[in-house]
Amino acid sequence: MEYSKLPVFLLKLKSMLEDQCNQHIISWNEQGNKVIIHQIDEFRSSILPLYFKSTNYSSFQKQLNNYGFKNIRQSARQCEFYNEYWTHDYKRIHQIMRKRHIQEDVNSTSTFMSSLLLLISNQKQLMANIEMIHQQQSMISQNIYHLHTESMKQQELIINLADEI
């Protein structure tokens, strides 16, 4: 099993459980299919700082939840977490996936829709600008034709005046 490809959180959890010094604070249950935190306060003060930047226990619980762990039993001092792929032999650890959050999907969809609406608005503005430029070009072409016609008349008038002199 290649553990180096596992998410850092799971590697740290595995390391906590394998460290014999931590067994009185965090360990496997007898069947090897649940993680037991025997002393939440001591876990928070002595184990979390060794493995994580945050010593916030609720952040640790959220991380467990993100990886599909269920809080099976909790008392004021102790709790158990279960994930069908997390067992003491680590045979199915590679099947643990981080949950995608609905809020992330909503935010991503919302961002996409906002971007799409902005693009549509910009496209409409560009189309309006193109139409305005087309109208201006048409007016300029008409002015050029009118000026050319006037220039031709004046040139003919100058030629006629020159012939008379």
C-alpha atoms as a PDB file:
ATOM      1  CA  MET A   1       0.000   0.000   0.000  1.00  0.00           C
ATOM      2  CA  GLU A   2       1.392   3.396  -1.013  1.00  0.00           C
ATOM      3  CA  TYR A   3       0.519   5.688   1.871  1.00  0.00           C
ATOM      4  CA  SER A   4       2.333   8.709   0.423  1.00  0.00           C
ATOM      5  CA  LYS A   5      -0.590   9.332  -1.946  1.00  0.00           C
ATOM      6  CA  LEU A   6      -3.068   9.645   0.913  1.00  0.00           C
ATOM      7  CA  PRO A   7      -4.365  13.042   2.032  1.00  0.00           C
ATOM      8  CA  VAL A   8      -2.228  14.624   4.753  1.00  0.00           C
ATOM      9  CA  PHE A   9      -5.095  14.536   7.259  1.00  0.00           C
ATOM     10  CA  LEU A  10      -5.449  10.751   6.951  1.00  0.00           C
ATOM     11  CA  LEU A  11      -1.699  10.253   7.216  1.00  0.00           C
ATOM     12  CA  LYS A  12      -1.643  12.295  10.422  1.00  0.00           C
ATOM     13  CA  LEU A  13      -4.597  10.354  11.829  1.00  0.00           C
ATOM     14  CA  LYS A  14      -2.840   7.093  10.973  1.00  0.00           C
ATOM     15  CA  SER A  15       0.328   8.353  12.659  1.00  0.00           C
ATOM     16  CA  MET A  16      -1.605   9.311  15.814  1.00  0.00           C
ATOM     17  CA  LEU A  17      -3.125   5.856  16.031  1.00  0.00           C
ATOM     18  CA  GLU A  18       0.172   4.064  15.443  1.00  0.00           C
ATOM     19  CA  ASP A  19       2.061   6.039  18.092  1.00  0.00           C
ATOM     20  CA  GLN A  20       2.017   3.855  21.227  1.00  0.00           C
ATOM     21  CA  CYS A  21       2.451   6.937  23.420  1.00  0.00           C
ATOM     22  CA  ASN A  22      -1.006   8.109  22.352  1.00  0.00           C
ATOM     23  CA  GLN A  23      -2.889   4.875  23.087  1.00  0.00           C
ATOM     24  CA  HIS A  24      -4.425   6.121  26.331  1.00  0.00           C
ATOM     25  CA  ILE A  25      -5.766   9.193  24.490  1.00  0.00           C
ATOM     26  CA  ILE A  26      -6.613   7.912  20.982  1.00  0.00           C
ATOM     27  CA  SER A  27      -6.758   4.316  19.772  1.00  0.00           C
ATOM     28  CA  TRP A  28      -8.664   1.690  17.820  1.00  0.00           C
ATOM     29  CA  ASN A  29     -11.591  -0.113  19.427  1.00  0.00           C
ATOM     30  CA  GLU A  30     -11.124  -3.856  20.104  1.00  0.00           C
ATOM     31  CA  GLN A  31     -12.512  -4.832  16.668  1.00  0.00           C
ATOM     32  CA  GLY A  32     -10.208  -2.375  14.922  1.00  0.00           C
ATOM     33  CA  ASN A  33     -12.961  -0.625  13.012  1.00  0.00           C
ATOM     34  CA  LYS A  34     -13.546   2.544  15.069  1.00  0.00           C
ATOM     35  CA  VAL A  35     -11.320   5.332  16.287  1.00  0.00           C
ATOM     36  CA  ILE A  36     -11.820   6.131  19.960  1.00  0.00           C
ATOM     37  CA  ILE A  37     -10.759   9.379  21.506  1.00  0.00           C
ATOM     38  CA  HIS A  38     -10.644   8.401  25.166  1.00  0.00           C
ATOM     39  CA  GLN A  39      -9.922  11.816  26.630  1.00  0.00           C
ATOM     40  CA  ILE A  40     -11.113  14.706  24.475  1.00  0.00           C
ATOM     41  CA  ASP A  41      -9.546  17.417  26.644  1.00  0.00           C
ATOM     42  CA  GLU A  42      -6.148  15.749  26.686  1.00  0.00           C
ATOM     43  CA  PHE A  43      -6.421  14.995  22.962  1.00  0.00           C
ATOM     44  CA  ARG A  44      -7.112  18.690  22.335  1.00  0.00           C
ATOM     45  CA  SER A  45      -4.233  19.913  24.505  1.00  0.00           C
ATOM     46  CA  SER A  46      -1.514  17.323  23.847  1.00  0.00           C
ATOM     47  CA  ILE A  47      -2.167  15.448  20.606  1.00  0.00           C
ATOM     48  CA  LEU A  48      -3.673  18.041  18.250  1.00  0.00           C
ATOM     49  CA  PRO A  49      -0.770  20.510  18.653  1.00  0.00           C
ATOM     50  CA  LEU A  50       1.696  17.776  17.695  1.00  0.00           C
ATOM     51  CA  TYR A  51      -0.053  17.033  14.407  1.00  0.00           C
ATOM     52  CA  PHE A  52      -1.981  20.153  13.355  1.00  0.00           C
ATOM     53  CA  LYS A  53      -1.631  23.921  13.344  1.00  0.00           C
ATOM     54  CA  SER A  54      -5.090  24.304  14.831  1.00  0.00           C
ATOM     55  CA  THR A  55      -5.858  22.881  18.243  1.00  0.00           C
ATOM     56  CA  ASN A  56      -9.574  23.415  17.690  1.00  0.00           C
ATOM     57  CA  TYR A  57     -11.267  20.079  18.330  1.00  0.00           C
ATOM     58  CA  SER A  58     -14.330  20.999  16.273  1.00  0.00           C
ATOM     59  CA  SER A  59     -12.041  21.589  13.267  1.00  0.00           C
ATOM     60  CA  PHE A  60     -10.646  18.091  13.746  1.00  0.00           C
ATOM     61  CA  GLN A  61     -14.207  16.698  13.886  1.00  0.00           C
ATOM     62  CA  LYS A  62     -15.094  18.587  10.680  1.00  0.00           C
ATOM     63  CA  GLN A  63     -12.085  17.059   8.966  1.00  0.00           C
ATOM     64  CA  LEU A  64     -13.189  13.592  10.062  1.00  0.00           C
ATOM     65  CA  ASN A  65     -16.656  14.370   8.738  1.00  0.00           C
ATOM     66  CA  ASN A  66     -15.181  15.587   5.443  1.00  0.00           C
ATOM     67  CA  TYR A  67     -13.597  12.167   5.004  1.00  0.00           C
ATOM     68  CA  GLY A  68     -16.818  10.294   5.746  1.00  0.00           C
ATOM     69  CA  PHE A  69     -16.267   9.449   9.409  1.00  0.00           C
ATOM     70  CA  LYS A  70     -19.424   9.225  11.493  1.00  0.00           C
ATOM     71  CA  ASN A  71     -19.511  10.202  15.146  1.00  0.00           C
ATOM     72  CA  ILE A  72     -20.969   7.015  16.655  1.00  0.00           C
ATOM     73  CA  ARG A  73     -20.904   7.742  20.365  1.00  0.00           C
ATOM     74  CA  GLN A  74     -19.914  10.735  22.367  1.00  0.00           C
ATOM     75  CA  SER A  75     -19.821  11.639  26.003  1.00  0.00           C
ATOM     76  CA  ALA A  76     -18.296  14.658  27.673  1.00  0.00           C
ATOM     77  CA  ARG A  77     -14.888  12.963  27.776  1.00  0.00           C
ATOM     78  CA  GLN A  78     -14.903  10.334  25.014  1.00  0.00           C
ATOM     79  CA  CYS A  79     -16.116   9.779  21.447  1.00  0.00           C
ATOM     80  CA  GLU A  80     -15.939   7.153  18.687  1.00  0.00           C
ATOM     81  CA  PHE A  81     -15.677   7.657  14.940  1.00  0.00           C
ATOM     82  CA  TYR A  82     -16.441   5.124  12.244  1.00  0.00           C
ATOM     83  CA  ASN A  83     -15.675   4.945   8.525  1.00  0.00           C
ATOM     84  CA  GLU A  84     -16.245   1.657   6.710  1.00  0.00           C
ATOM     85  CA  TYR A  85     -12.919   2.006   4.853  1.00  0.00           C
ATOM     86  CA  TRP A  86     -10.856   2.985   7.916  1.00  0.00           C
ATOM     87  CA  THR A  87      -9.752  -0.153   9.755  1.00  0.00           C
ATOM     88  CA  HIS A  88      -6.686  -1.081  11.791  1.00  0.00           C
ATOM     89  CA  ASP A  89      -5.206  -3.041   8.847  1.00  0.00           C
ATOM     90  CA  TYR A  90      -5.625  -0.036   6.489  1.00  0.00           C
ATOM     91  CA  LYS A  91      -6.534  -2.385   3.617  1.00  0.00           C
ATOM     92  CA  ARG A  92      -9.250  -0.120   2.190  1.00  0.00           C
ATOM     93  CA  ILE A  93      -7.844   3.236   3.259  1.00  0.00           C
ATOM     94  CA  HIS A  94      -7.302   4.250  -0.388  1.00  0.00           C
ATOM     95  CA  GLN A  95     -11.108   4.201  -0.879  1.00  0.00           C
ATOM     96  CA  ILE A  96     -11.645   7.103   1.510  1.00  0.00           C
ATOM     97  CA  MET A  97     -12.576  10.211  -0.441  1.00  0.00           C
ATOM     98  CA  ARG A  98     -13.050  13.742   0.746  1.00  0.00           C
ATOM     99  CA  LYS A  99     -16.658  14.878   0.510  1.00  0.00           C
ATOM    100  CA  ARG A 100     -17.580  17.616  -1.906  1.00  0.00           C
ATOM    101  CA  HIS A 101     -19.546  20.251  -0.139  1.00  0.00           C
ATOM    102  CA  ILE A 102     -22.887  21.329  -1.535  1.00  0.00           C
ATOM    103  CA  GLN A 103     -21.955  24.903  -0.653  1.00  0.00           C
ATOM    104  CA  GLU A 104     -18.853  24.615  -2.860  1.00  0.00           C
ATOM    105  CA  ASP A 105     -21.075  23.393  -5.703  1.00  0.00           C
ATOM    106  CA  VAL A 106     -23.533  26.226  -5.083  1.00  0.00           C
ATOM    107  CA  ASN A 107     -20.720  28.782  -4.975  1.00  0.00           C
ATOM    108  CA  SER A 108     -19.146  27.350  -8.092  1.00  0.00           C
ATOM    109  CA  THR A 109     -22.505  27.349  -9.922  1.00  0.00           C
ATOM    110  CA  SER A 110     -23.252  30.837  -8.666  1.00  0.00           C
ATOM    111  CA  THR A 111     -19.842  32.077  -9.806  1.00  0.00           C
ATOM    112  CA  PHE A 112     -20.322  30.407 -13.177  1.00  0.00           C
ATOM    113  CA  MET A 113     -23.786  31.952 -13.614  1.00  0.00           C
ATOM    114  CA  SER A 114     -22.499  35.394 -12.597  1.00  0.00           C
ATOM    115  CA  SER A 115     -19.659  35.085 -15.096  1.00  0.00           C
ATOM    116  CA  LEU A 116     -22.054  33.895 -17.780  1.00  0.00           C
ATOM    117  CA  LEU A 117     -24.446  36.803 -17.162  1.00  0.00           C
ATOM    118  CA  LEU A 118     -21.520  39.228 -17.271  1.00  0.00           C
ATOM    119  CA  LEU A 119     -20.346  37.724 -20.573  1.00  0.00           C
ATOM    120  CA  ILE A 120     -23.861  37.975 -22.040  1.00  0.00           C
ATOM    121  CA  SER A 121     -24.114  41.594 -20.912  1.00  0.00           C
ATOM    122  CA  ASN A 122     -20.687  42.374 -22.403  1.00  0.00           C
ATOM    123  CA  GLN A 123     -21.668  40.617 -25.624  1.00  0.00           C
ATOM    124  CA  LYS A 124     -24.851  42.707 -25.895  1.00  0.00           C
ATOM    125  CA  GLN A 125     -22.832  45.872 -25.287  1.00  0.00           C
ATOM    126  CA  LEU A 126     -20.317  44.854 -27.951  1.00  0.00           C
ATOM    127  CA  MET A 127     -23.118  44.124 -30.418  1.00  0.00           C
ATOM    128  CA  ALA A 128     -24.648  47.546 -29.692  1.00  0.00           C
ATOM    129  CA  ASN A 129     -21.221  49.158 -30.201  1.00  0.00           C
ATOM    130  CA  ILE A 130     -20.765  47.316 -33.497  1.00  0.00           C
ATOM    131  CA  GLU A 131     -24.196  48.493 -34.674  1.00  0.00           C
ATOM    132  CA  MET A 132     -23.365  52.093 -33.691  1.00  0.00           C
ATOM    133  CA  ILE A 133     -20.015  51.873 -35.524  1.00  0.00           C
ATOM    134  CA  HIS A 134     -21.819  50.457 -38.580  1.00  0.00           C
ATOM    135  CA  GLN A 135     -24.271  53.397 -38.535  1.00  0.00           C
ATOM    136  CA  GLN A 136     -21.410  55.881 -38.134  1.00  0.00           C
ATOM    137  CA  GLN A 137     -19.521  54.232 -40.970  1.00  0.00           C
ATOM    138  CA  SER A 138     -22.599  54.501 -43.177  1.00  0.00           C
ATOM    139  CA  MET A 139     -22.997  58.221 -42.322  1.00  0.00           C
ATOM    140  CA  ILE A 140     -19.297  58.834 -42.986  1.00  0.00           C
ATOM    141  CA  SER A 141     -19.580  57.042 -46.341  1.00  0.00           C
ATOM    142  CA  GLN A 142     -22.579  59.220 -47.248  1.00  0.00           C
ATOM    143  CA  ASN A 143     -20.659  62.358 -46.208  1.00  0.00           C
ATOM    144  CA  ILE A 144     -17.641  61.296 -48.271  1.00  0.00           C
ATOM    145  CA  TYR A 145     -19.884  60.683 -51.305  1.00  0.00           C
ATOM    146  CA  HIS A 146     -21.588  64.051 -50.769  1.00  0.00           C
ATOM    147  CA  LEU A 147     -18.213  65.840 -50.387  1.00  0.00           C
ATOM    148  CA  HIS A 148     -16.852  64.043 -53.466  1.00  0.00           C
ATOM    149  CA  THR A 149     -19.922  65.102 -55.473  1.00  0.00           C
ATOM    150  CA  GLU A 150     -19.550  68.702 -54.264  1.00  0.00           C
ATOM    151  CA  SER A 151     -15.826  68.584 -55.053  1.00  0.00           C
ATOM    152  CA  MET A 152     -16.560  67.371 -58.581  1.00  0.00           C
ATOM    153  CA  LYS A 153     -19.118  70.172 -59.099  1.00  0.00           C
ATOM    154  CA  GLN A 154     -16.647  72.792 -57.851  1.00  0.00           C
ATOM    155  CA  GLN A 155     -13.888  71.370 -60.011  1.00  0.00           C
ATOM    156  CA  GLU A 156     -16.197  71.510 -63.049  1.00  0.00           C
ATOM    157  CA  LEU A 157     -17.149  75.088 -62.109  1.00  0.00           C
ATOM    158  CA  ILE A 158     -13.436  76.080 -61.869  1.00  0.00           C
ATOM    159  CA  ILE A 159     -12.757  74.493 -65.262  1.00  0.00           C
ATOM    160  CA  ASN A 160     -15.704  76.347 -66.804  1.00  0.00           C
ATOM    161  CA  LEU A 161     -14.529  79.642 -65.237  1.00  0.00           C
ATOM    162  CA  ALA A 162     -11.001  79.037 -66.493  1.00  0.00           C
ATOM    163  CA  ASP A 163     -12.316  78.399 -70.023  1.00  0.00           C
ATOM    164  CA  GLU A 164     -14.198  81.702 -69.945  1.00  0.00           C
ATOM    165  CA  ILE A 165     -11.170  83.719 -68.917  1.00  0.00           C
END
